[in-house]
């Protein structure tokens, strides 16, 4: 399979929504209620978050999405990967990660951070990502 990974401009998000909706629906339950689909779409359209897609050139379908944002801390600028969902991820994961790393460097980020399920730790370790902390949460 052949993939093209790229960003989606905020003014094109509305056109992309029907093509990415399935991926959003699949990943949003893992946000712990932090976001719903409308929140993500609105923030993408405003440019507060960024949408990255893995477009399958053979089927002409978006097989994967990544949603990112910049997190500005008092002493660091961090590129945060908030959501990732898709199929055939082994075919586009490396290209997507390289694109995100390139964008983070070009925008003078100090690091890239990812919050996610435990399986991401093993997968991203091969790309020199280290687990520095745990996020533990209790609903109250």
N, C-alpha and C. Protein backbone atom coordinates (compact mmCIF):
# COMPACT_ATOMS: atom_id res chain seq x y z
N UNK A 1 0.83 -1.18 0.00
CA UNK A 1 0.00 0.00 0.00
C UNK A 1 0.87 1.24 0.00
N UNK A 2 0.37 2.27 -0.60
CA UNK A 2 1.08 3.53 -0.69
C UNK A 2 0.31 4.60 0.09
N UNK A 3 1.04 5.34 0.93
CA UNK A 3 0.40 6.36 1.77
C UNK A 3 1.04 7.71 1.58
N UNK A 4 0.22 8.73 1.74
CA UNK A 4 0.68 10.10 1.81
C UNK A 4 0.21 10.64 3.14
N UNK A 5 1.12 11.13 3.94
CA UNK A 5 0.75 11.73 5.21
C UNK A 5 0.89 13.25 5.08
N UNK A 6 -0.08 13.96 5.61
CA UNK A 6 -0.04 15.42 5.49
C UNK A 6 -0.95 16.05 6.52
N UNK A 7 -0.74 17.34 6.70
CA UNK A 7 -1.61 18.13 7.56
C UNK A 7 -2.82 18.61 6.78
N UNK A 8 -3.85 18.97 7.53
CA UNK A 8 -5.09 19.50 6.93
C UNK A 8 -5.27 20.92 7.45
N UNK A 9 -5.34 21.87 6.54
CA UNK A 9 -5.55 23.27 6.94
C UNK A 9 -6.89 23.43 7.65
N UNK A 10 -6.95 24.33 8.63
CA UNK A 10 -8.20 24.53 9.38
C UNK A 10 -9.42 24.79 8.49
N UNK A 11 -9.24 25.53 7.40
CA UNK A 11 -10.39 25.84 6.53
C UNK A 11 -10.86 24.63 5.71
N UNK A 12 -10.11 23.52 5.74
CA UNK A 12 -10.49 22.30 5.01
C UNK A 12 -11.01 21.20 5.94
N UNK A 13 -11.00 21.47 7.25
CA UNK A 13 -11.43 20.45 8.22
C UNK A 13 -12.87 20.05 7.98
N UNK A 14 -13.75 21.01 7.71
CA UNK A 14 -15.17 20.69 7.50
C UNK A 14 -15.34 19.66 6.38
N UNK A 15 -14.58 19.81 5.31
CA UNK A 15 -14.66 18.86 4.20
C UNK A 15 -14.11 17.49 4.59
N UNK A 16 -13.16 17.48 5.52
CA UNK A 16 -12.53 16.22 5.93
C UNK A 16 -13.36 15.44 6.94
N UNK A 17 -14.26 16.11 7.66
CA UNK A 17 -14.99 15.46 8.76
C UNK A 17 -15.65 14.15 8.34
N UNK A 18 -16.41 14.07 7.23
CA UNK A 18 -17.03 12.79 6.89
C UNK A 18 -16.00 11.67 6.64
N UNK A 19 -14.79 12.06 6.26
CA UNK A 19 -13.75 11.07 5.94
C UNK A 19 -12.97 10.62 7.18
N UNK A 20 -13.07 11.39 8.27
CA UNK A 20 -12.32 11.06 9.49
C UNK A 20 -13.22 10.70 10.67
N UNK A 21 -14.52 10.84 10.48
CA UNK A 21 -15.48 10.63 11.57
C UNK A 21 -15.34 9.26 12.24
N UNK A 22 -15.16 8.24 11.46
CA UNK A 22 -15.03 6.88 11.99
C UNK A 22 -13.82 6.80 12.94
N UNK A 23 -12.72 7.42 12.54
CA UNK A 23 -11.51 7.41 13.37
C UNK A 23 -11.72 8.19 14.66
N UNK A 24 -12.39 9.34 14.56
CA UNK A 24 -12.68 10.12 15.77
C UNK A 24 -13.57 9.32 16.72
N UNK A 25 -14.61 8.72 16.18
CA UNK A 25 -15.53 7.94 17.01
C UNK A 25 -14.81 6.79 17.72
N UNK A 26 -13.81 6.23 17.07
CA UNK A 26 -13.08 5.10 17.65
C UNK A 26 -12.17 5.54 18.80
N UNK A 27 -11.58 6.73 18.70
CA UNK A 27 -10.57 7.14 19.69
C UNK A 27 -11.15 8.00 20.82
N UNK A 28 -12.24 8.69 20.59
CA UNK A 28 -12.76 9.61 21.61
C UNK A 28 -13.13 8.95 22.93
N UNK A 29 -13.62 7.72 22.96
CA UNK A 29 -13.90 7.10 24.27
C UNK A 29 -12.67 7.00 25.17
N UNK A 30 -11.48 7.02 24.59
CA UNK A 30 -10.26 6.90 25.38
C UNK A 30 -9.79 8.25 25.94
N UNK A 31 -10.52 9.33 25.68
CA UNK A 31 -10.12 10.63 26.20
C UNK A 31 -10.65 10.86 27.61
N UNK A 32 -11.37 9.91 28.15
CA UNK A 32 -11.87 10.05 29.51
C UNK A 32 -12.89 11.17 29.65
N UNK A 33 -13.62 11.46 28.57
CA UNK A 33 -14.62 12.51 28.63
C UNK A 33 -14.06 13.92 28.46
N UNK A 34 -12.80 14.04 28.12
CA UNK A 34 -12.19 15.36 27.95
C UNK A 34 -12.74 16.09 26.71
N UNK A 35 -13.06 15.32 25.69
CA UNK A 35 -13.52 15.90 24.43
C UNK A 35 -14.68 15.08 23.88
N UNK A 36 -15.51 15.75 23.08
CA UNK A 36 -16.43 15.03 22.22
C UNK A 36 -16.08 15.41 20.78
N UNK A 37 -16.74 14.81 19.84
CA UNK A 37 -16.40 15.03 18.43
C UNK A 37 -16.54 16.50 18.04
N UNK A 38 -17.61 17.15 18.50
CA UNK A 38 -17.81 18.56 18.16
C UNK A 38 -16.69 19.45 18.72
N UNK A 39 -16.21 19.12 19.92
CA UNK A 39 -15.09 19.89 20.50
C UNK A 39 -13.87 19.81 19.60
N UNK A 40 -13.53 18.59 19.20
CA UNK A 40 -12.33 18.39 18.37
C UNK A 40 -12.48 19.12 17.04
N UNK A 41 -13.62 18.96 16.39
CA UNK A 41 -13.83 19.61 15.09
C UNK A 41 -13.73 21.12 15.22
N UNK A 42 -14.34 21.68 16.25
CA UNK A 42 -14.29 23.13 16.46
C UNK A 42 -12.86 23.61 16.68
N UNK A 43 -12.11 22.90 17.52
CA UNK A 43 -10.73 23.30 17.80
C UNK A 43 -9.83 23.14 16.58
N UNK A 44 -10.10 22.13 15.75
CA UNK A 44 -9.36 21.97 14.50
C UNK A 44 -9.67 23.12 13.54
N UNK A 45 -10.93 23.50 13.45
CA UNK A 45 -11.33 24.59 12.56
C UNK A 45 -10.76 25.93 13.01
N UNK A 46 -10.63 26.11 14.31
CA UNK A 46 -10.07 27.35 14.85
C UNK A 46 -8.55 27.39 14.74
N UNK A 47 -7.95 26.25 14.50
CA UNK A 47 -6.49 26.18 14.44
C UNK A 47 -5.85 26.00 15.81
N UNK A 48 -6.65 25.73 16.84
CA UNK A 48 -6.11 25.47 18.18
C UNK A 48 -5.50 24.08 18.27
N UNK A 49 -5.97 23.19 17.41
CA UNK A 49 -5.41 21.85 17.27
C UNK A 49 -5.13 21.64 15.79
N UNK A 50 -4.30 20.65 15.50
CA UNK A 50 -3.96 20.35 14.11
C UNK A 50 -4.33 18.92 13.77
N UNK A 51 -4.80 18.73 12.55
CA UNK A 51 -5.18 17.41 12.04
C UNK A 51 -4.16 16.95 11.02
N UNK A 52 -3.71 15.69 11.21
CA UNK A 52 -2.78 15.04 10.31
C UNK A 52 -3.46 13.77 9.82
N UNK A 53 -3.35 13.49 8.54
CA UNK A 53 -4.04 12.32 7.99
C UNK A 53 -3.06 11.42 7.24
N UNK A 54 -3.40 10.13 7.25
CA UNK A 54 -2.69 9.13 6.44
C UNK A 54 -3.65 8.72 5.33
N UNK A 55 -3.35 9.18 4.14
CA UNK A 55 -4.21 8.95 2.98
C UNK A 55 -3.68 7.76 2.19
N UNK A 56 -4.53 6.75 2.06
CA UNK A 56 -4.18 5.55 1.31
C UNK A 56 -4.36 5.85 -0.18
N UNK A 57 -3.25 5.94 -0.90
CA UNK A 57 -3.29 6.29 -2.32
C UNK A 57 -3.96 5.21 -3.17
N UNK A 58 -3.94 3.97 -2.70
CA UNK A 58 -4.55 2.88 -3.46
C UNK A 58 -6.07 2.90 -3.36
N UNK A 59 -6.58 3.05 -2.14
CA UNK A 59 -8.03 3.02 -1.94
C UNK A 59 -8.66 4.41 -1.95
N UNK A 60 -7.82 5.44 -1.87
CA UNK A 60 -8.26 6.84 -1.84
C UNK A 60 -9.12 7.12 -0.60
N UNK A 61 -8.74 6.49 0.51
CA UNK A 61 -9.43 6.63 1.79
C UNK A 61 -8.42 7.07 2.84
N UNK A 62 -8.88 7.86 3.80
CA UNK A 62 -8.04 8.22 4.94
C UNK A 62 -8.05 7.05 5.91
N UNK A 63 -6.89 6.42 6.05
CA UNK A 63 -6.77 5.24 6.92
C UNK A 63 -6.37 5.60 8.34
N UNK A 64 -5.93 6.83 8.57
CA UNK A 64 -5.53 7.19 9.92
C UNK A 64 -5.50 8.68 10.15
N UNK A 65 -5.64 9.05 11.43
CA UNK A 65 -5.58 10.46 11.81
C UNK A 65 -4.73 10.61 13.07
N UNK A 66 -4.15 11.77 13.20
CA UNK A 66 -3.47 12.20 14.41
C UNK A 66 -3.92 13.63 14.67
N UNK A 67 -4.22 13.93 15.92
CA UNK A 67 -4.59 15.29 16.32
C UNK A 67 -3.54 15.77 17.31
N UNK A 68 -2.99 16.96 17.06
CA UNK A 68 -1.94 17.52 17.90
C UNK A 68 -2.30 18.93 18.34
N UNK A 69 -1.53 19.40 19.31
CA UNK A 69 -1.62 20.80 19.70
C UNK A 69 -0.30 21.20 20.33
N UNK A 70 -0.05 22.49 20.40
CA UNK A 70 1.12 22.99 21.10
C UNK A 70 0.73 23.19 22.55
N UNK A 71 1.58 22.72 23.44
CA UNK A 71 1.39 22.95 24.87
C UNK A 71 2.53 23.85 25.33
N UNK A 72 2.17 25.03 25.80
CA UNK A 72 3.17 26.00 26.22
C UNK A 72 3.24 25.98 27.75
N UNK A 73 4.35 25.50 28.25
CA UNK A 73 4.62 25.48 29.68
C UNK A 73 5.53 26.65 30.00
N UNK A 74 5.66 27.01 31.27
CA UNK A 74 6.53 28.15 31.59
C UNK A 74 7.96 28.03 31.07
N UNK A 75 8.46 26.81 30.93
CA UNK A 75 9.85 26.65 30.53
C UNK A 75 10.06 25.78 29.29
N UNK A 76 8.98 25.37 28.67
CA UNK A 76 9.10 24.50 27.49
C UNK A 76 7.94 24.72 26.53
N UNK A 77 8.23 24.55 25.27
CA UNK A 77 7.20 24.48 24.24
C UNK A 77 7.17 23.03 23.76
N UNK A 78 6.00 22.40 23.88
CA UNK A 78 5.90 20.98 23.62
C UNK A 78 4.84 20.72 22.55
N UNK A 79 5.13 19.83 21.64
CA UNK A 79 4.18 19.39 20.64
C UNK A 79 3.49 18.16 21.23
N UNK A 80 2.19 18.26 21.45
CA UNK A 80 1.44 17.21 22.13
C UNK A 80 0.60 16.43 21.14
N UNK A 81 0.80 15.12 21.11
CA UNK A 81 -0.04 14.24 20.31
C UNK A 81 -1.21 13.84 21.21
N UNK A 82 -2.40 14.31 20.85
CA UNK A 82 -3.59 14.09 21.67
C UNK A 82 -4.35 12.83 21.28
N UNK A 83 -4.52 12.63 19.98
CA UNK A 83 -5.33 11.52 19.49
C UNK A 83 -4.63 10.86 18.31
N UNK A 84 -4.79 9.56 18.23
CA UNK A 84 -4.28 8.82 17.08
C UNK A 84 -5.21 7.63 16.87
N UNK A 85 -5.67 7.46 15.65
CA UNK A 85 -6.57 6.36 15.34
C UNK A 85 -6.40 5.98 13.89
N UNK A 86 -6.59 4.70 13.61
CA UNK A 86 -6.52 4.30 12.22
C UNK A 86 -6.40 2.80 12.02
N UNK A 87 -6.32 2.44 10.77
CA UNK A 87 -6.12 1.06 10.35
C UNK A 87 -4.83 1.00 9.54
N UNK A 88 -4.30 -0.18 9.39
CA UNK A 88 -3.05 -0.38 8.63
C UNK A 88 -1.93 0.52 9.15
N UNK A 89 -1.92 0.73 10.46
CA UNK A 89 -0.99 1.68 11.06
C UNK A 89 0.48 1.32 10.79
N UNK A 90 0.78 0.05 10.69
CA UNK A 90 2.16 -0.33 10.41
C UNK A 90 2.65 0.24 9.08
N UNK A 91 1.72 0.52 8.17
CA UNK A 91 2.08 1.03 6.85
C UNK A 91 2.31 2.54 6.81
N UNK A 92 1.77 3.29 7.78
CA UNK A 92 1.92 4.74 7.73
C UNK A 92 2.48 5.37 9.00
N UNK A 93 2.60 4.60 10.07
CA UNK A 93 3.05 5.11 11.36
C UNK A 93 4.40 5.83 11.27
N UNK A 94 5.39 5.21 10.67
CA UNK A 94 6.74 5.80 10.63
C UNK A 94 6.74 7.12 9.88
N UNK A 95 6.09 7.17 8.72
CA UNK A 95 6.04 8.42 7.95
C UNK A 95 5.31 9.51 8.73
N UNK A 96 4.22 9.15 9.40
CA UNK A 96 3.47 10.12 10.19
C UNK A 96 4.32 10.66 11.33
N UNK A 97 4.99 9.78 12.04
CA UNK A 97 5.81 10.21 13.17
C UNK A 97 6.94 11.12 12.70
N UNK A 98 7.56 10.78 11.58
CA UNK A 98 8.64 11.63 11.05
C UNK A 98 8.10 13.02 10.67
N UNK A 99 6.92 13.07 10.07
CA UNK A 99 6.32 14.36 9.73
C UNK A 99 6.07 15.18 10.98
N UNK A 100 5.50 14.57 11.99
CA UNK A 100 5.20 15.28 13.24
C UNK A 100 6.50 15.76 13.90
N UNK A 101 7.52 14.94 13.90
CA UNK A 101 8.79 15.36 14.47
C UNK A 101 9.40 16.53 13.69
N UNK A 102 9.28 16.50 12.38
CA UNK A 102 9.80 17.59 11.54
C UNK A 102 9.06 18.90 11.84
N UNK A 103 7.74 18.82 11.96
CA UNK A 103 6.94 20.02 12.27
C UNK A 103 7.29 20.55 13.65
N UNK A 104 7.44 19.67 14.61
CA UNK A 104 7.79 20.09 15.97
C UNK A 104 9.14 20.81 15.99
N UNK A 105 10.11 20.26 15.29
CA UNK A 105 11.44 20.90 15.23
C UNK A 105 11.36 22.24 14.52
N UNK A 106 10.64 22.31 13.41
CA UNK A 106 10.51 23.56 12.65
C UNK A 106 9.84 24.65 13.47
N UNK A 107 8.99 24.25 14.40
CA UNK A 107 8.29 25.22 15.24
C UNK A 107 8.96 25.41 16.60
N UNK A 108 10.22 24.99 16.68
CA UNK A 108 11.07 25.21 17.84
C UNK A 108 10.50 24.64 19.14
N UNK A 109 9.90 23.46 19.02
CA UNK A 109 9.42 22.77 20.22
C UNK A 109 10.61 22.11 20.91
N UNK A 110 10.54 22.04 22.22
CA UNK A 110 11.59 21.39 22.99
C UNK A 110 11.41 19.88 23.02
N UNK A 111 10.17 19.43 22.88
CA UNK A 111 9.92 17.99 22.92
C UNK A 111 8.55 17.68 22.34
N UNK A 112 8.28 16.39 22.23
CA UNK A 112 6.98 15.88 21.81
C UNK A 112 6.48 15.03 22.96
N UNK A 113 5.22 15.22 23.34
CA UNK A 113 4.65 14.40 24.39
C UNK A 113 3.42 13.68 23.87
N UNK A 114 3.18 12.51 24.45
CA UNK A 114 2.06 11.68 24.03
C UNK A 114 1.39 11.14 25.29
N UNK A 115 0.09 11.28 25.37
CA UNK A 115 -0.67 10.62 26.42
C UNK A 115 -1.50 9.55 25.73
N UNK A 116 -1.49 8.37 26.27
CA UNK A 116 -2.24 7.32 25.61
C UNK A 116 -2.24 6.03 26.40
N UNK A 117 -2.79 5.02 25.78
CA UNK A 117 -2.85 3.71 26.42
C UNK A 117 -1.45 3.09 26.50
N UNK A 118 -1.32 2.12 27.37
CA UNK A 118 -0.04 1.50 27.67
C UNK A 118 0.66 0.93 26.43
N UNK A 119 -0.09 0.46 25.45
CA UNK A 119 0.50 -0.11 24.24
C UNK A 119 1.37 0.87 23.47
N UNK A 120 1.11 2.17 23.60
CA UNK A 120 1.91 3.16 22.90
C UNK A 120 3.33 3.21 23.44
N UNK A 121 3.50 2.89 24.72
CA UNK A 121 4.85 2.92 25.31
C UNK A 121 5.76 1.96 24.55
N UNK A 122 5.30 0.74 24.37
CA UNK A 122 6.10 -0.27 23.66
C UNK A 122 6.35 0.14 22.21
N UNK A 123 5.30 0.61 21.54
CA UNK A 123 5.44 0.96 20.12
C UNK A 123 6.40 2.12 19.92
N UNK A 124 6.30 3.15 20.74
CA UNK A 124 7.10 4.36 20.52
C UNK A 124 8.52 4.24 21.07
N UNK A 125 8.75 3.27 21.93
CA UNK A 125 10.09 3.05 22.46
C UNK A 125 11.08 2.79 21.32
N UNK A 126 10.64 2.11 20.26
CA UNK A 126 11.50 1.82 19.12
C UNK A 126 11.92 3.09 18.38
N UNK A 127 11.20 4.19 18.62
CA UNK A 127 11.53 5.47 17.98
C UNK A 127 12.19 6.43 18.95
N UNK A 128 12.77 5.87 20.00
CA UNK A 128 13.53 6.63 21.00
C UNK A 128 12.67 7.52 21.90
N UNK A 129 11.40 7.17 22.05
CA UNK A 129 10.54 7.86 23.01
C UNK A 129 10.66 7.13 24.34
N UNK A 130 10.82 7.89 25.41
CA UNK A 130 10.98 7.31 26.73
C UNK A 130 9.76 7.60 27.59
N UNK A 131 9.40 6.64 28.40
CA UNK A 131 8.31 6.85 29.35
C UNK A 131 8.90 7.57 30.56
N UNK A 132 8.55 8.84 30.73
CA UNK A 132 9.07 9.63 31.83
C UNK A 132 8.12 9.69 33.01
N UNK A 133 6.85 9.46 32.77
CA UNK A 133 5.88 9.54 33.85
C UNK A 133 4.64 8.74 33.49
N UNK A 134 3.80 8.55 34.45
CA UNK A 134 2.50 7.92 34.26
C UNK A 134 1.45 8.98 34.47
N UNK A 135 0.35 8.87 33.76
CA UNK A 135 -0.83 9.66 34.05
C UNK A 135 -1.83 8.71 34.69
N UNK A 136 -2.16 8.97 35.92
CA UNK A 136 -3.11 8.13 36.64
C UNK A 136 -4.30 9.00 37.00
N UNK A 137 -5.49 8.47 36.82
CA UNK A 137 -6.69 9.30 36.99
C UNK A 137 -7.78 8.56 37.72
N UNK A 138 -8.52 9.28 38.53
CA UNK A 138 -9.69 8.73 39.20
C UNK A 138 -10.85 9.69 38.95
N UNK A 139 -11.96 9.16 38.53
CA UNK A 139 -13.16 9.97 38.32
C UNK A 139 -13.78 10.29 39.66
N UNK A 140 -14.14 11.56 39.88
CA UNK A 140 -14.80 11.93 41.13
C UNK A 140 -16.11 12.63 40.88
